[in-house]
Protein backbone atom coordinates (compact mmCIF):
# COMPACT_ATOMS: atom_id res chain seq x y z
CA UNK A 1 0.16 0.15 -0.09
CA UNK A 2 2.97 2.39 0.74
CA UNK A 3 3.95 1.83 -2.38
CA UNK A 4 1.10 2.97 -3.93
CA UNK A 5 0.77 6.06 -2.05
CA UNK A 6 4.48 6.60 -2.84
CA UNK A 7 3.40 6.09 -6.72
CA UNK A 8 0.57 8.64 -6.54
CA UNK A 9 3.11 11.26 -5.17
CA UNK A 10 5.52 10.89 -7.82
CA UNK A 11 2.84 10.86 -10.47
CA UNK A 12 0.94 13.98 -8.49
CA UNK A 13 4.60 15.46 -8.67
CA UNK A 14 5.59 15.19 -12.20
CA UNK A 15 2.14 17.12 -13.51
CA UNK A 16 2.15 19.52 -10.28
CA UNK A 17 6.05 20.65 -12.56
CA UNK A 18 4.59 20.29 -15.64
CA UNK A 19 1.32 22.41 -15.03
CA UNK A 20 4.14 24.75 -12.78
CA UNK A 21 6.43 24.82 -16.05
CA UNK A 22 3.92 25.37 -18.31
CA UNK A 23 2.92 29.03 -16.66
CA UNK A 24 5.93 30.04 -16.39
CA UNK A 25 6.36 29.72 -20.09
CA UNK A 26 3.37 30.94 -20.62
CA UNK A 27 4.34 34.38 -18.30
CA UNK A 28 7.55 34.35 -20.25
CA UNK A 29 5.61 34.07 -23.63
CA UNK A 30 3.37 36.87 -22.31
CA UNK A 31 6.66 38.93 -20.91
CA UNK A 32 8.58 38.72 -24.41
CA UNK A 33 4.75 40.37 -26.20
CA UNK A 34 4.56 42.38 -23.74
CA UNK A 35 8.33 44.20 -24.22
CA UNK A 36 7.79 43.86 -27.87
CA UNK A 37 4.86 45.97 -28.31
CA UNK A 38 6.47 48.25 -26.12
CA UNK A 39 9.21 48.31 -28.42
CA UNK A 40 7.21 48.68 -31.12
CA UNK A 41 5.57 51.90 -29.45
CA UNK A 42 8.63 53.66 -28.91
CA UNK A 43 9.57 52.55 -33.05
CA UNK A 44 6.80 54.28 -33.87
CA UNK A 45 6.72 57.57 -31.29
CA UNK A 46 10.74 57.75 -32.77
CA UNK A 47 9.21 57.47 -36.26
CA UNK A 48 6.68 60.11 -35.26
CA UNK A 49 9.92 62.38 -34.48
CA UNK A 50 11.47 62.63 -36.66
CA UNK A 51 8.53 62.96 -39.77
CA UNK A 52 7.94 65.98 -37.53
CA UNK A 53 11.57 67.39 -37.35
CA UNK A 54 11.40 66.85 -41.37
CA UNK A 55 9.13 68.67 -41.96
CA UNK A 56 9.32 71.79 -40.17
CA UNK A 57 12.64 71.83 -41.72
CA UNK A 58 11.18 71.87 -44.78
CA UNK A 59 8.65 74.21 -43.92
CA UNK A 60 11.49 76.80 -43.32
CA UNK A 61 13.39 76.02 -46.30
CA UNK A 62 10.09 76.75 -47.94
CA UNK A 63 9.72 80.45 -46.13
CA UNK A 64 13.38 80.74 -47.40
CA UNK A 65 12.31 80.12 -51.20
CA UNK A 66 9.30 82.07 -50.66
CA UNK A 67 11.80 85.21 -49.52
CA UNK A 68 14.40 84.90 -52.07
CA UNK A 69 11.43 84.41 -54.63
CA UNK A 70 9.42 87.55 -53.52
CA UNK A 71 12.85 89.20 -53.72
CA UNK A 72 13.60 88.46 -57.14
CA UNK A 73 10.33 89.69 -58.36
CA UNK A 74 11.42 92.72 -56.54
CA UNK A 75 14.49 92.92 -59.23
CA UNK A 76 12.64 91.66 -61.63
CA UNK A 77 9.94 94.80 -61.78
CA UNK A 78 12.86 96.92 -61.06
CA UNK A 79 14.88 95.88 -64.57
CA UNK A 80 11.44 96.25 -66.20
CA UNK A 81 11.04 99.43 -64.38
CA UNK A 82 14.09 100.82 -65.90
CA UNK A 83 12.45 100.41 -69.28
CA UNK A 84 9.89 103.16 -68.78
CA UNK A 85 10.97 106.99 -68.01
CA UNK A 86 10.99 108.11 -64.19
CA UNK A 87 12.71 110.36 -62.09
CA UNK A 88 16.41 109.97 -61.52
CA UNK A 89 16.30 108.92 -58.11
CA UNK A 90 13.53 105.89 -58.51
CA UNK A 91 15.64 104.93 -61.57
CA UNK A 92 19.40 105.04 -59.89
CA UNK A 93 16.70 102.95 -56.42
CA UNK A 94 15.93 100.54 -59.57
CA UNK A 95 19.37 100.20 -61.02
CA UNK A 96 21.01 99.32 -57.78
CA UNK A 97 18.53 96.67 -57.17
CA UNK A 98 18.70 95.10 -60.47
CA UNK A 99 23.29 96.06 -60.59
CA UNK A 100 23.25 93.75 -56.80
CA UNK A 101 20.93 90.54 -58.84
CA UNK A 102 24.33 88.73 -60.44
CA UNK A 103 22.31 85.47 -61.86
CA UNK A 104 19.14 86.35 -64.20
CA UNK A 105 16.16 87.21 -62.46
CA UNK A 106 13.95 85.09 -64.70
CA UNK A 107 15.84 81.53 -64.67
CA UNK A 108 16.38 82.13 -61.15
CA UNK A 109 12.52 82.77 -60.25
CA UNK A 110 11.54 79.57 -62.14
CA UNK A 111 14.27 78.03 -60.54
CA UNK A 112 12.53 78.49 -57.01
CA UNK A 113 9.21 78.17 -58.61
CA UNK A 114 10.55 74.52 -58.55
CA UNK A 115 11.45 74.13 -55.67
CA UNK A 116 8.92 76.00 -53.92
CA UNK A 117 6.66 73.47 -56.17
CA UNK A 118 9.00 70.22 -54.66
CA UNK A 119 8.59 71.45 -51.13
CA UNK A 120 4.79 71.41 -50.94
CA UNK A 121 5.13 67.99 -52.26
CA UNK A 122 7.39 66.84 -50.13
CA UNK A 123 5.10 68.61 -46.82
CA UNK A 124 2.24 66.54 -48.49
CA UNK A 125 4.08 63.42 -48.72
CA UNK A 126 5.91 64.32 -45.27
CA UNK A 127 1.97 65.37 -43.66
CA UNK A 128 0.85 60.91 -44.93
CA UNK A 129 3.65 59.61 -43.83
CA UNK A 130 2.63 61.38 -40.21
CA UNK A 131 -0.47 60.38 -40.50
CA UNK A 132 0.09 56.74 -41.19
CA UNK A 133 2.60 56.04 -39.01
CA UNK A 134 -0.03 58.22 -36.31
CA UNK A 135 -2.34 55.04 -37.45
CA UNK A 136 0.20 52.72 -36.23
CA UNK A 137 1.22 53.66 -32.33
CA UNK A 138 -2.73 53.58 -32.10
CA UNK A 139 -3.25 50.47 -33.24
CA UNK A 140 -0.12 49.61 -31.22
CA UNK A 141 -1.28 51.07 -28.26
CA UNK A 142 -4.58 49.54 -28.29
CA UNK A 143 -2.91 46.70 -28.86
CA UNK A 144 -0.72 46.76 -25.79
CA UNK A 145 -4.00 48.44 -23.88
CA UNK A 146 -5.46 44.70 -24.15
CA UNK A 147 -2.69 42.73 -23.51
CA UNK A 148 -2.41 44.33 -20.36
CA UNK A 149 -6.09 44.04 -19.70
CA UNK A 150 -6.04 39.91 -20.25
CA UNK A 151 -3.16 39.04 -18.58
CA UNK A 152 -2.27 35.24 -18.57
């Protein structure tokens, strides 16, 4: 009879060990899943910051291009105004403005207009990428909340 009890004790110990080991494996898998999701959230947040920084840089470049374009249009107007009779004071000022510009105004204006269009396109693309990345971040946060809410 003692042998039987010992066999039952051994069986229960083995089953208990298997149960504990399975539980530990499930907890480890859950912990890994949580860490993976937290890592995704951090990666999406970092990407969002990079997109914001690039967007600010392109916006600043666009503002600078717009200012330069405005100045070149003034130069162009001054060069056109030189062909019309004007008082000598006004003519001298226009001549001074035109002489300061080394590159032909028309070609530079066209180049700046193209650059301005490219900046606008780039900002549009960055906005689209930002929205997509924000969507991914929110999905990862929802997944994290779900995993946290339903622990193993």
